[in-house]
């Protein structure tokens, strides 16, 4: 289940990080590219505006110059026109040079005759009749160098045409040639504008772009941080789910019972082992207050735990709903967080029935060991006198008159000696180490042979024997003589319990674990509940003539076959013995059993 939860949480973890980061990086790249293009577009618009202004200014000056030629302006009037046009906003200067770069006319009269550009620079400009521009710098009247947007082309002072206008212009051509410098066919006109507006617009675009990019960067960082925290939260949530699933699996698969309560003493966790031990469902406990659904003794342990040390391995008797009680070993402790705040209680308990059975088994084996020591010590000393006593009893029986009281007393003496000898024999067999003669046998044959031995006794008391031979049963490795002895002991006990007019049923079958299970059930008077725990004890018997070693011997033989035996019975409801043995003997367990 923990693996399935982990796989489910990993499948729902969303897109991989590299896809998200790649998408963010791609989006940032696109936005930055668009911002740079928008910045370049703004610069192009400002440059186009300056080109148009310079083209209009040059055309206006050329038009005015042609008009002045028609009106025979003097040189000072043309200079005034240049200076007046230079007063336009943003105009730095207007200059006319020849092809060598010498200034023919300038908005600053002091610069007329000087060089605007060298011959090489003029050739590099590649002047044509179409406006061209470039960025340059110049010294103003205060000798401060500043940037300028300069447009240039060949100066066109005359307009060719036909008709009366052209004729009149030809008539005055000779008179005006000496005065008009613009008539030079190779003159070049330059118009320079300051770049304040261009620089301001570009600075504004750069500022806006920088702000936009900063905002985008902050958004990207915010997205990355959000992604980081989301992934961290997701990873923490997944780890929490995995830890919860892991702890839940551990708690549910613990072989001991576990119940926890919160600070309000409401039950919050009940594992599967607790459900099995307490014989109740978890949903009938979870959410309820512990003092309502748990025994009062448990609450007293909680109060005791709060005032004293934790309760560790305290044995109590727990009453089930069916009236039975089971022994539990319970521990109670407080649940505290890292700051010492109380969160609730935890109850840890385990079923002590198996432990007590083991304890009883240990005590029984200790008792058998003590009996063995006693039997080994006195059997030889008792049997020798018994042989002499029996011999004298037979002697007096033969010497006494037939039917006399002395003869009857001698017979009783011999019979009691035989009984005492039988007890010693059974006692020695009980404590003697196992010496099984194992062989592969058909269990049907063993059962049928044992039933044949008691059939006459059963028919004499009108007791029906029920057994169905199952040919599908596999062969089993066991000692047929010792196992027949086990069955005979159980049969004889059943016949004595039935007395007359009843039935005895034997069933042999395979379990799910591929073990052989044999049940012997009778319709007798049953066994009292207080005697059920004692019937396998040595010398425990309810019969006047019994030795109390029969069922002890049965249990010993079954254990030698590495099996178990259990009994269920009740007054007037008959008795059922259930024996389970493996199909094949395990030599390692057999060796360990012998050593024990």
Protein backbone atom coordinates (compact mmCIF):
# COMPACT_ATOMS: atom_id res chain seq x y z
CA UNK A 1 0.00 0.00 0.00
CA UNK A 2 2.85 2.39 0.87
CA UNK A 3 4.40 1.75 -2.57
CA UNK A 4 1.06 2.41 -4.30
CA UNK A 5 0.65 5.70 -2.42
CA UNK A 6 4.16 6.75 -3.35
CA UNK A 7 3.53 5.96 -7.03
CA UNK A 8 0.21 7.82 -6.97
CA UNK A 9 1.78 10.90 -5.37
CA UNK A 10 4.67 10.85 -7.87
CA UNK A 11 2.23 10.57 -10.81
CA UNK A 12 0.28 13.62 -9.59
CA UNK A 13 3.40 15.77 -9.07
CA UNK A 14 2.69 17.93 -12.18
CA UNK A 15 5.01 19.07 -14.98
CA UNK A 16 8.75 18.52 -14.64
CA UNK A 17 10.74 21.50 -13.40
CA UNK A 18 12.85 21.77 -16.55
CA UNK A 19 9.75 22.25 -18.72
CA UNK A 20 8.49 25.08 -16.50
CA UNK A 21 11.90 26.75 -16.36
CA UNK A 22 12.32 26.39 -20.10
CA UNK A 23 8.91 27.96 -20.71
CA UNK A 24 9.72 30.89 -18.41
CA UNK A 25 13.11 31.42 -20.10
CA UNK A 26 11.51 31.28 -23.55
CA UNK A 27 8.81 33.77 -22.51
CA UNK A 28 11.46 36.14 -21.10
CA UNK A 29 13.49 35.86 -24.30
CA UNK A 30 10.47 36.71 -26.44
CA UNK A 31 9.52 39.70 -24.26
CA UNK A 32 13.11 41.04 -24.18
CA UNK A 33 13.37 40.69 -27.97
CA UNK A 34 10.10 42.58 -28.45
CA UNK A 35 11.25 45.29 -26.04
CA UNK A 36 14.55 45.74 -27.93
CA UNK A 37 12.70 45.88 -31.25
CA UNK A 38 10.31 48.45 -29.81
CA UNK A 39 13.30 50.50 -28.63
CA UNK A 40 14.84 50.35 -32.12
CA UNK A 41 11.49 51.25 -33.65
CA UNK A 42 11.28 54.37 -31.48
CA UNK A 43 14.77 55.42 -32.55
CA UNK A 44 13.86 54.86 -36.21
CA UNK A 45 10.78 57.06 -35.80
CA UNK A 46 12.86 59.90 -34.30
CA UNK A 47 15.49 59.52 -37.04
CA UNK A 48 12.78 59.57 -39.71
CA UNK A 49 11.38 62.75 -38.19
CA UNK A 50 14.82 64.39 -38.31
CA UNK A 51 15.32 63.26 -41.92
CA UNK A 52 11.99 64.78 -42.93
CA UNK A 53 12.71 68.03 -41.10
CA UNK A 54 16.15 68.29 -42.71
CA UNK A 55 14.74 67.55 -46.15
CA UNK A 56 12.06 70.24 -45.74
CA UNK A 57 14.64 72.69 -44.44
CA UNK A 58 16.97 72.07 -47.38
CA UNK A 59 14.11 72.32 -49.89
CA UNK A 60 12.93 75.53 -48.23
CA UNK A 61 16.38 77.09 -48.41
CA UNK A 62 16.79 76.04 -52.04
CA UNK A 63 13.39 77.48 -52.87
CA UNK A 64 14.18 80.73 -51.06
CA UNK A 65 17.56 80.90 -52.77
CA UNK A 66 15.92 80.58 -56.17
CA UNK A 67 13.42 83.24 -55.22
CA UNK A 68 16.28 85.49 -54.09
CA UNK A 69 18.07 85.02 -57.34
CA UNK A 70 14.96 86.14 -59.15
CA UNK A 71 14.74 89.23 -56.98
CA UNK A 72 18.47 89.91 -57.17
CA UNK A 73 19.18 89.53 -53.45
CA UNK A 74 22.48 90.71 -52.18
CA UNK A 75 24.93 88.45 -50.41
CA UNK A 76 24.03 89.87 -47.00
CA UNK A 77 20.36 89.10 -47.67
CA UNK A 78 21.18 85.46 -48.46
CA UNK A 79 23.32 85.26 -45.32
CA UNK A 80 20.44 86.69 -43.34
CA UNK A 81 18.22 83.99 -44.86
CA UNK A 82 20.66 81.30 -43.72
CA UNK A 83 20.84 82.73 -40.21
CA UNK A 84 17.07 83.15 -40.04
CA UNK A 85 16.47 79.54 -41.03
CA UNK A 86 19.05 78.41 -38.46
CA UNK A 87 16.86 79.94 -35.76
CA UNK A 88 14.36 77.14 -36.29
CA UNK A 89 14.06 74.86 -33.21
CA UNK A 90 16.68 72.15 -33.22
CA UNK A 91 18.69 73.54 -36.18
CA UNK A 92 22.39 73.77 -35.37
CA UNK A 93 23.70 75.11 -38.66
CA UNK A 94 23.23 75.16 -42.44
CA UNK A 95 26.34 75.18 -44.59
CA UNK A 96 27.19 75.09 -48.28
CA UNK A 97 30.56 73.79 -49.37
CA UNK A 98 32.31 72.99 -52.56
CA UNK A 99 33.48 69.48 -53.37
CA UNK A 100 36.71 70.05 -51.50
CA UNK A 101 34.84 70.75 -48.26
CA UNK A 102 35.51 74.49 -48.16
CA UNK A 103 32.61 76.45 -46.73
CA UNK A 104 30.98 78.78 -49.27
CA UNK A 105 28.10 79.84 -47.02
CA UNK A 106 27.37 79.16 -43.33
CA UNK A 107 24.92 80.25 -40.69
CA UNK A 108 28.04 81.36 -38.79
CA UNK A 109 29.66 83.95 -41.09
CA UNK A 110 32.98 83.53 -39.32
CA UNK A 111 33.32 80.02 -40.67
CA UNK A 112 32.95 80.99 -44.35
CA UNK A 113 36.14 80.03 -46.20
CA UNK A 114 37.18 77.43 -43.64
CA UNK A 115 37.02 73.68 -44.11
CA UNK A 116 33.91 71.85 -42.96
CA UNK A 117 35.33 68.49 -44.02
CA UNK A 118 38.54 67.45 -45.70
CA UNK A 119 38.69 66.22 -49.27
CA UNK A 120 38.98 62.60 -48.11
CA UNK A 121 36.00 62.99 -45.75
CA UNK A 122 33.90 64.51 -48.54
CA UNK A 123 34.74 61.59 -50.81
CA UNK A 124 33.90 59.18 -48.01
CA UNK A 125 30.47 60.80 -47.61
CA UNK A 126 29.68 59.74 -51.20
CA UNK A 127 27.43 62.77 -51.85
CA UNK A 128 24.58 62.37 -54.34
CA UNK A 129 21.49 64.30 -55.30
CA UNK A 130 19.47 62.36 -52.70
CA UNK A 131 19.45 63.26 -49.03
CA UNK A 132 21.80 61.23 -46.89
CA UNK A 133 22.51 61.50 -43.19
CA UNK A 134 25.02 60.59 -40.58
CA UNK A 135 25.73 61.28 -36.92
CA UNK A 136 28.59 63.68 -36.33
CA UNK A 137 29.94 66.14 -33.77
CA UNK A 138 30.94 69.78 -34.01
CA UNK A 139 32.25 72.67 -31.91
CA UNK A 140 29.77 75.40 -31.14
CA UNK A 141 30.65 79.05 -30.58
CA UNK A 142 31.61 78.28 -26.97
CA UNK A 143 33.94 75.52 -28.23
CA UNK A 144 31.71 72.84 -26.72
CA UNK A 145 31.54 69.62 -28.67
CA UNK A 146 28.09 68.22 -29.16
CA UNK A 147 26.40 65.52 -31.17
CA UNK A 148 24.59 66.45 -34.38
CA UNK A 149 22.31 64.79 -36.92
CA UNK A 150 23.59 66.02 -40.28
CA UNK A 151 21.83 65.67 -43.65
CA UNK A 152 23.61 66.46 -46.91
CA UNK A 153 23.27 66.32 -50.70
CA UNK A 154 24.17 68.38 -53.77
CA UNK A 155 22.80 71.90 -53.63
CA UNK A 156 20.23 72.67 -56.35
CA UNK A 157 19.93 76.43 -56.69
CA UNK A 158 18.29 76.51 -60.16
CA UNK A 159 15.26 74.81 -61.48
CA UNK A 160 15.29 73.84 -65.11
CA UNK A 161 12.21 74.45 -67.15
CA UNK A 162 10.76 75.96 -70.35
CA UNK A 163 8.44 78.79 -71.13
CA UNK A 164 8.63 82.39 -70.11
CA UNK A 165 10.11 81.74 -66.70
CA UNK A 166 13.03 79.84 -68.12
CA UNK A 167 13.65 82.51 -70.74
CA UNK A 168 13.71 85.32 -68.22
CA UNK A 169 16.13 83.33 -66.04
CA UNK A 170 18.54 82.96 -68.96
CA UNK A 171 18.43 86.69 -69.61
CA UNK A 172 19.74 87.48 -66.14
CA UNK A 173 22.14 84.50 -65.84
CA UNK A 174 25.26 86.48 -66.72
CA UNK A 175 24.47 89.26 -64.25
CA UNK A 176 23.88 86.93 -61.33
CA UNK A 177 26.76 84.46 -61.89
CA UNK A 178 29.26 86.53 -59.96
CA UNK A 179 27.02 86.99 -56.93
CA UNK A 180 25.36 83.63 -56.33
CA UNK A 181 27.48 80.96 -54.78
CA UNK A 182 24.68 78.49 -54.99
CA UNK A 183 25.02 78.47 -58.73
CA UNK A 184 27.97 76.19 -58.34
CA UNK A 185 26.80 72.90 -59.84
CA UNK A 186 28.96 70.89 -57.51
CA UNK A 187 28.08 72.71 -54.24
CA UNK A 188 27.01 70.58 -51.30
CA UNK A 189 24.47 71.67 -48.71
CA UNK A 190 24.64 70.45 -45.12
CA UNK A 191 21.84 70.82 -42.52
CA UNK A 192 22.62 69.81 -38.94
CA UNK A 193 20.12 69.29 -36.13
CA UNK A 194 20.77 68.75 -32.49
CA UNK A 195 20.05 65.27 -31.09
CA UNK A 196 18.48 66.41 -27.82
CA UNK A 197 15.03 65.19 -28.80
CA UNK A 198 16.48 62.00 -30.26
CA UNK A 199 18.60 61.42 -27.14
CA UNK A 200 15.67 62.29 -24.87
CA UNK A 201 13.33 59.97 -26.75
CA UNK A 202 15.96 57.23 -26.79
CA UNK A 203 16.66 57.74 -23.08
CA UNK A 204 12.95 57.61 -22.38
CA UNK A 205 12.60 54.41 -24.43
CA UNK A 206 15.61 52.92 -22.68
CA UNK A 207 14.17 53.92 -19.32
CA UNK A 208 10.77 52.48 -20.14
CA UNK A 209 12.34 49.34 -21.53
CA UNK A 210 14.54 49.04 -18.45
CA UNK A 211 11.51 49.44 -16.21
CA UNK A 212 9.61 46.87 -18.24
CA UNK A 213 12.54 44.45 -18.17
CA UNK A 214 12.97 45.05 -14.43
CA UNK A 215 9.32 44.32 -13.87
CA UNK A 216 9.58 41.23 -16.05
CA UNK A 217 12.72 40.16 -14.19
CA UNK A 218 10.95 40.65 -10.87
CA UNK A 219 7.98 38.71 -12.20
CA UNK A 220 10.31 35.97 -13.42
CA UNK A 221 12.03 35.87 -10.05
CA UNK A 222 8.64 35.84 -8.37
CA UNK A 223 7.57 32.98 -10.64
CA UNK A 224 10.78 31.10 -9.91
CA UNK A 225 10.37 31.67 -6.19
CA UNK A 226 6.74 30.63 -6.40
CA UNK A 227 7.78 27.58 -8.40
CA UNK A 228 10.52 26.82 -5.87
CA UNK A 229 8.15 27.13 -2.92
CA UNK A 230 5.44 25.24 -4.76
CA UNK A 231 7.86 22.42 -5.51
CA UNK A 232 9.13 22.53 -1.95
CA UNK A 233 5.59 22.47 -0.62
CA UNK A 234 4.73 19.68 -3.04
CA UNK A 235 7.82 17.72 -2.03
CA UNK A 236 7.10 18.31 1.66
CA UNK A 237 3.49 17.32 1.13
CA UNK A 238 4.57 14.19 -0.74
CA UNK A 239 7.11 13.34 1.96
CA UNK A 240 4.41 13.89 4.58
CA UNK A 241 2.04 11.60 2.68
CA UNK A 242 4.78 9.00 2.26
CA UNK A 243 5.68 9.23 5.95
CA UNK A 244 2.03 8.99 6.89
CA UNK A 245 1.54 5.98 4.61
CA UNK A 246 4.75 4.43 5.92
CA UNK A 247 3.77 4.92 9.57
CA UNK A 248 0.22 3.76 8.83
CA UNK A 249 1.54 0.55 7.27
CA UNK A 250 3.85 -0.01 10.23
CA UNK A 251 1.07 0.59 12.75
CA UNK A 252 -1.42 -1.60 10.90
CA UNK A 253 1.06 -4.45 10.58
CA UNK A 254 2.31 -4.38 14.15
CA UNK A 255 1.73 -7.72 15.88
CA UNK A 256 0.65 -5.84 19.02
CA UNK A 257 -2.40 -3.69 19.59
CA UNK A 258 -2.06 0.10 19.42
CA UNK A 259 -4.63 2.80 20.26
CA UNK A 260 -3.89 6.52 20.41
CA UNK A 261 -6.00 9.43 21.69
CA UNK A 262 -5.72 13.17 21.13
CA UNK A 263 -5.50 15.91 23.74
CA UNK A 264 -9.28 15.75 24.24
CA UNK A 265 -9.00 11.98 24.87
CA UNK A 266 -10.78 11.16 21.64
CA UNK A 267 -9.55 7.95 19.98
CA UNK A 268 -7.69 8.75 16.77
CA UNK A 269 -5.85 5.53 15.76
CA UNK A 270 -6.78 1.86 16.13
CA UNK A 271 -4.61 -0.69 14.34
CA UNK A 272 -5.65 -4.07 12.97
CA UNK A 273 -4.15 -6.06 15.85
CA UNK A 274 -6.18 -4.00 18.33
CA UNK A 275 -9.36 -4.74 16.37
CA UNK A 276 -8.60 -8.46 16.48
CA UNK A 277 -7.73 -8.54 20.18
CA UNK A 278 -10.66 -6.41 21.34
CA UNK A 279 -13.07 -8.05 18.88
CA UNK A 280 -14.42 -4.72 17.59
CA UNK A 281 -14.17 -2.54 14.51
CA UNK A 282 -11.96 0.53 14.42
CA UNK A 283 -14.76 2.81 13.18
CA UNK A 284 -16.77 1.99 16.30
CA UNK A 285 -13.93 3.45 18.41
CA UNK A 286 -12.36 6.26 16.38
CA UNK A 287 -13.76 9.68 17.22
CA UNK A 288 -15.32 8.57 20.51
CA UNK A 289 -14.13 9.64 23.93
CA UNK A 290 -11.90 6.99 25.46
CA UNK A 291 -13.74 6.84 28.80
CA UNK A 292 -16.93 5.82 26.94
CA UNK A 293 -15.59 2.98 24.82
CA UNK A 294 -12.53 1.75 26.75
CA UNK A 295 -12.65 -0.05 30.09
CA UNK A 296 -12.58 2.07 33.24
CA UNK A 297 -9.40 0.33 34.30
CA UNK A 298 -7.65 1.75 31.22
CA UNK A 299 -8.70 5.27 32.21
CA UNK A 300 -7.33 4.71 35.69
CA UNK A 301 -4.04 3.72 34.09
CA UNK A 302 -4.10 7.00 32.10
CA UNK A 303 -4.65 9.02 35.28
CA UNK A 304 -1.92 7.07 37.01
CA UNK A 305 0.41 7.65 34.06
CA UNK A 306 -0.21 11.41 34.17
CA UNK A 307 0.67 11.63 37.86
CA UNK A 308 3.46 9.05 38.00
CA UNK A 309 5.81 7.17 35.69
CA UNK A 310 4.62 5.60 32.41
CA UNK A 311 2.70 2.35 32.78
CA UNK A 312 4.82 -0.45 31.31
CA UNK A 313 3.70 -4.06 30.78
CA UNK A 314 0.92 -4.15 33.33
CA UNK A 315 -1.26 -7.26 33.04
CA UNK A 316 -5.02 -6.86 33.14
CA UNK A 317 -8.04 -8.96 32.22
CA UNK A 318 -10.12 -7.59 29.37
CA UNK A 319 -13.74 -8.67 29.04
CA UNK A 320 -14.97 -9.32 25.49
CA UNK A 321 -18.50 -8.73 24.27
CA UNK A 322 -19.15 -12.49 24.16
CA UNK A 323 -18.49 -12.78 27.90
CA UNK A 324 -15.00 -14.26 27.66
CA UNK A 325 -11.95 -12.55 29.13
CA UNK A 326 -8.45 -12.42 27.72
CA UNK A 327 -5.24 -11.47 29.51
CA UNK A 328 -3.57 -8.34 28.17
CA UNK A 329 -0.22 -6.76 28.92
CA UNK A 330 -0.75 -3.00 28.52
CA UNK A 331 1.58 -0.02 28.47
CA UNK A 332 0.39 3.61 28.61
CA UNK A 333 2.46 6.69 27.78
CA UNK A 334 1.94 10.36 27.01
CA UNK A 335 2.53 11.78 23.52
CA UNK A 336 4.44 15.08 23.68
CA UNK A 337 5.70 17.33 20.90
CA UNK A 338 9.19 18.87 20.72
CA UNK A 339 8.15 21.72 23.03
CA UNK A 340 6.69 19.37 25.61
CA UNK A 341 3.06 20.15 24.76
CA UNK A 342 0.66 17.29 25.51
CA UNK A 343 -0.84 15.76 22.36
CA UNK A 344 -2.55 12.64 23.71
CA UNK A 345 -1.98 9.12 25.00
CA UNK A 346 -0.86 5.88 23.42
CA UNK A 347 -2.00 2.44 24.55
CA UNK A 348 0.19 -0.50 23.52
CA UNK A 349 -1.04 -3.94 24.48
CA UNK A 350 -0.54 -7.55 23.54
CA UNK A 351 -2.46 -10.75 23.99
CA UNK A 352 -0.92 -12.78 26.79
CA UNK A 353 -2.78 -16.00 26.06
CA UNK A 354 0.03 -17.46 24.01
CA UNK A 355 2.58 -16.30 26.58
CA UNK A 356 0.62 -17.93 29.35
CA UNK A 357 0.30 -21.09 27.29
CA UNK A 358 4.06 -21.09 26.87
CA UNK A 359 4.46 -20.48 30.58
CA UNK A 360 2.12 -23.37 31.32
CA UNK A 361 4.07 -25.48 28.84
CA UNK A 362 7.33 -24.61 30.55
CA UNK A 363 5.85 -25.45 33.94
CA UNK A 364 4.47 -28.69 32.55
CA UNK A 365 7.84 -29.66 31.12
CA UNK A 366 9.52 -28.70 34.36
CA UNK A 367 7.04 -30.92 36.15
CA UNK A 368 7.71 -33.74 33.70
CA UNK A 369 11.42 -33.27 34.17
CA UNK A 370 10.96 -33.51 37.93
CA UNK A 371 8.80 -36.61 37.49
CA UNK A 372 11.44 -38.05 35.20
CA UNK A 373 14.12 -37.52 37.78
CA UNK A 374 11.87 -39.13 40.38
CA UNK A 375 10.91 -42.01 38.08
CA UNK A 376 14.51 -42.68 37.12
CA UNK A 377 15.47 -42.76 40.78
CA UNK A 378 12.75 -44.99 42.18
CA UNK A 379 11.50 -47.12 39.29
CA UNK A 380 14.20 -49.73 39.70
CA UNK A 381 13.80 -49.79 43.48
CA UNK A 382 10.01 -50.18 43.24
CA UNK A 383 9.85 -52.77 40.48
CA UNK A 384 12.07 -55.29 42.26
CA UNK A 385 9.87 -55.46 45.40
CA UNK A 386 6.79 -55.50 43.18
CA UNK A 387 8.01 -58.65 41.48
CA UNK A 388 8.47 -60.32 44.88
CA UNK A 389 5.07 -59.12 46.11
CA UNK A 390 3.35 -60.40 42.98
CA UNK A 391 5.17 -63.73 43.36
CA UNK A 392 3.99 -64.13 46.95
CA UNK A 393 0.47 -63.10 45.92
CA UNK A 394 0.37 -65.80 43.26
CA UNK A 395 1.79 -68.29 45.77
CA UNK A 396 -0.90 -67.57 48.37
CA UNK A 397 -3.57 -67.55 45.63
CA UNK A 398 -2.53 -71.09 44.65
CA UNK A 399 -2.33 -72.33 48.26
CA UNK A 400 -5.65 -70.86 49.32
CA UNK A 401 -8.88 -72.89 49.03
CA UNK A 402 -10.87 -72.25 45.89
CA UNK A 403 -13.35 -69.44 46.45
CA UNK A 404 -12.03 -68.55 49.87
CA UNK A 405 -11.51 -65.01 51.12
CA UNK A 406 -7.75 -65.59 51.22
CA UNK A 407 -7.73 -66.44 47.52
CA UNK A 408 -9.72 -63.27 46.65
CA UNK A 409 -7.36 -61.12 48.68
CA UNK A 410 -4.39 -62.67 46.88
CA UNK A 411 -5.99 -61.89 43.49
CA UNK A 412 -6.62 -58.28 44.53
CA UNK A 413 -3.01 -58.00 45.66
CA UNK A 414 -1.71 -59.33 42.31
CA UNK A 415 -4.05 -56.97 40.38
CA UNK A 416 -2.90 -53.92 42.33
CA UNK A 417 0.71 -54.91 41.75
CA UNK A 418 -0.01 -55.07 38.00
CA UNK A 419 -1.68 -51.62 38.16
CA UNK A 420 1.25 -50.16 40.03
CA UNK A 421 3.65 -51.70 37.53
CA UNK A 422 1.60 -50.24 34.68
CA UNK A 423 1.77 -46.80 36.29
CA UNK A 424 5.54 -47.07 36.55
CA UNK A 425 5.74 -48.23 32.93
CA UNK A 426 3.62 -45.29 31.75
CA UNK A 427 5.61 -42.92 33.87
CA UNK A 428 8.88 -44.12 32.37
CA UNK A 429 7.41 -43.92 28.86
CA UNK A 430 6.28 -40.37 29.61
CA UNK A 431 9.71 -39.10 30.62
CA UNK A 432 11.80 -41.28 28.30
CA UNK A 433 13.32 -39.37 25.29
CA UNK A 434 11.44 -39.78 22.03
CA UNK A 435 12.41 -42.79 19.96
CA UNK A 436 10.09 -42.57 16.98
CA UNK A 437 10.21 -45.16 14.24
CA UNK A 438 9.10 -42.90 11.42
CA UNK A 439 7.83 -44.30 8.15
CA UNK A 440 5.61 -43.20 5.29
CA UNK A 441 2.14 -44.61 5.94
CA UNK A 442 -1.42 -44.21 4.74
CA UNK A 443 -3.23 -42.48 7.60
CA UNK A 444 -6.49 -44.19 6.56
CA UNK A 445 -4.94 -47.57 7.36
CA UNK A 446 -3.72 -46.37 10.78
CA UNK A 447 -7.16 -45.00 11.69
CA UNK A 448 -9.01 -48.10 10.46
CA UNK A 449 -6.62 -50.35 12.39
CA UNK A 450 -7.14 -48.36 15.60
CA UNK A 451 -10.94 -48.48 15.16
CA UNK A 452 -10.78 -52.23 14.65
CA UNK A 453 -9.15 -52.61 18.07
CA UNK A 454 -12.04 -50.92 19.94
CA UNK A 455 -14.90 -51.99 17.70
CA UNK A 456 -16.11 -54.79 20.04
CA UNK A 457 -16.15 -52.48 23.08
CA UNK A 458 -18.09 -49.87 21.07
CA UNK A 459 -20.65 -52.43 19.81
CA UNK A 460 -21.13 -53.81 23.30
CA UNK A 461 -22.11 -50.31 24.52
CA UNK A 462 -24.14 -49.51 21.38
CA UNK A 463 -21.75 -46.74 20.25
CA UNK A 464 -21.68 -45.95 16.53
CA UNK A 465 -18.24 -45.45 14.94
CA UNK A 466 -18.20 -42.90 12.12
CA UNK A 467 -15.28 -42.63 9.76
CA UNK A 468 -15.14 -41.97 6.01
CA UNK A 469 -11.97 -43.14 4.30
CA UNK A 470 -10.53 -40.36 2.09
CA UNK A 471 -8.33 -41.96 -0.56
CA UNK A 472 -7.14 -38.51 -1.71
CA UNK A 473 -5.13 -37.98 1.46
CA UNK A 474 -1.37 -38.16 0.88
CA UNK A 475 0.96 -40.45 2.77
CA UNK A 476 2.30 -39.10 6.07
CA UNK A 477 5.62 -39.58 7.83
CA UNK A 478 4.85 -40.80 11.37
CA UNK A 479 5.35 -43.65 13.86
CA UNK A 480 2.25 -45.85 13.32
CA UNK A 481 2.54 -47.65 16.68
CA UNK A 482 2.85 -44.47 18.75
CA UNK A 483 0.11 -42.75 16.76
CA UNK A 484 -2.18 -45.76 17.19
CA UNK A 485 -1.55 -45.46 20.93
CA UNK A 486 -2.68 -41.80 20.76
CA UNK A 487 -5.88 -42.70 18.95
CA UNK A 488 -6.64 -45.60 21.32
CA UNK A 489 -6.27 -43.34 24.36
CA UNK A 490 -8.72 -40.85 22.86
CA UNK A 491 -11.15 -43.61 21.79
CA UNK A 492 -11.16 -45.24 25.25
CA UNK A 493 -11.71 -41.89 26.97
CA UNK A 494 -14.59 -41.18 24.59
CA UNK A 495 -16.20 -44.60 25.18
CA UNK A 496 -15.98 -44.10 28.94
CA UNK A 497 -17.50 -40.60 28.62
CA UNK A 498 -20.37 -41.86 26.40
CA UNK A 499 -21.01 -44.96 28.55
CA UNK A 500 -23.71 -46.24 26.16
CA UNK A 501 -25.91 -45.24 23.23
CA UNK A 502 -23.86 -42.58 21.46
CA UNK A 503 -21.44 -42.01 18.60
CA UNK A 504 -17.74 -41.50 18.00
CA UNK A 505 -16.62 -39.67 14.85
CA UNK A 506 -13.14 -39.47 13.33
CA UNK A 507 -12.31 -37.03 10.47
CA UNK A 508 -8.97 -36.75 8.63
CA UNK A 509 -8.35 -33.86 6.18
CA UNK A 510 -5.72 -31.52 4.78
CA UNK A 511 -5.47 -27.93 6.00
CA UNK A 512 -4.73 -24.88 3.86
CA UNK A 513 -1.14 -25.07 5.10
CA UNK A 514 -0.88 -28.62 3.68
CA UNK A 515 -0.86 -30.26 7.12
CA UNK A 516 -2.84 -33.26 8.33
CA UNK A 517 -5.68 -32.53 10.73
CA UNK A 518 -7.39 -35.39 12.60
CA UNK A 519 -10.40 -34.68 14.83
CA UNK A 520 -11.92 -37.11 17.32
CA UNK A 521 -15.41 -36.08 18.41
CA UNK A 522 -17.77 -37.89 20.77
CA UNK A 523 -21.28 -37.40 22.11
CA UNK A 524 -20.28 -37.95 25.73
CA UNK A 525 -20.94 -35.91 28.83
CA UNK A 526 -18.12 -33.47 28.07
CA UNK A 527 -15.51 -31.85 30.27
CA UNK A 528 -16.15 -29.12 32.81
CA UNK A 529 -14.73 -25.69 31.84
CA UNK A 530 -12.55 -25.52 34.94
CA UNK A 531 -10.99 -28.89 34.04
CA UNK A 532 -10.13 -28.05 30.41
CA UNK A 533 -6.85 -26.39 31.33
CA UNK A 534 -5.79 -29.34 33.51
CA UNK A 535 -6.52 -32.42 31.42
CA UNK A 536 -2.99 -32.60 29.98
CA UNK A 537 -1.36 -32.31 33.41
CA UNK A 538 0.26 -35.48 34.74
CA UNK A 539 -1.88 -37.40 37.27
CA UNK A 540 -4.94 -35.25 36.69
CA UNK A 541 -7.97 -37.53 36.32
CA UNK A 542 -11.68 -37.54 37.08
CA UNK A 543 -11.91 -41.34 36.96
CA UNK A 544 -11.68 -43.49 40.03
CA UNK A 545 -9.44 -46.05 38.31
CA UNK A 546 -7.49 -43.63 36.09
CA UNK A 547 -3.79 -42.86 36.37
CA UNK A 548 -3.97 -39.32 34.93
CA UNK A 549 -1.20 -40.03 32.41
CA UNK A 550 -3.20 -40.97 29.30
CA UNK A 551 -3.76 -37.48 27.85
CA UNK A 552 -0.30 -36.39 28.99
CA UNK A 553 1.09 -39.25 26.90
CA UNK A 554 -1.14 -38.22 23.97
CA UNK A 555 0.16 -34.65 24.08
CA UNK A 556 3.77 -35.84 24.29
CA UNK A 557 3.44 -38.12 21.24
CA UNK A 558 1.78 -35.38 19.18
CA UNK A 559 4.55 -32.93 20.11
CA UNK A 560 7.14 -35.57 19.18
CA UNK A 561 5.49 -35.59 15.75
CA UNK A 562 5.95 -31.76 15.69
CA UNK A 563 2.21 -31.24 15.90
CA UNK A 564 -0.33 -29.62 18.18
CA UNK A 565 -3.42 -30.82 19.98
CA UNK A 566 -6.39 -28.75 21.11
CA UNK A 567 -9.63 -29.62 22.87
CA UNK A 568 -13.08 -28.03 22.94
CA UNK A 569 -15.80 -29.34 25.20
CA UNK A 570 -18.72 -28.46 27.39
CA UNK A 571 -21.02 -30.23 29.80
CA UNK A 572 -23.54 -32.42 27.94
CA UNK A 573 -22.20 -31.21 24.54
CA UNK A 574 -19.50 -33.78 23.89
CA UNK A 575 -15.76 -33.35 23.42
CA UNK A 576 -13.69 -32.64 20.34
CA UNK A 577 -9.93 -33.26 20.13
CA UNK A 578 -8.14 -31.69 17.15
CA UNK A 579 -4.63 -32.82 16.21
CA UNK A 580 -2.55 -31.15 13.49
CA UNK A 581 0.75 -32.67 12.33
CA UNK A 582 3.02 -31.93 9.35
CA UNK A 583 3.11 -34.35 6.45
CA UNK A 584 6.88 -34.67 6.72
CA UNK A 585 9.06 -34.74 9.81
CA UNK A 586 11.57 -31.92 10.25
CA UNK A 587 14.80 -33.39 11.56
CA UNK A 588 16.11 -30.07 12.92
CA UNK A 589 13.00 -29.52 15.03
CA UNK A 590 13.13 -33.16 16.12
CA UNK A 591 16.73 -32.73 17.30
CA UNK A 592 15.87 -29.51 19.13
CA UNK A 593 12.89 -31.24 20.79
CA UNK A 594 15.07 -34.12 21.97
CA UNK A 595 17.65 -31.71 23.36
CA UNK A 596 14.91 -29.83 25.22
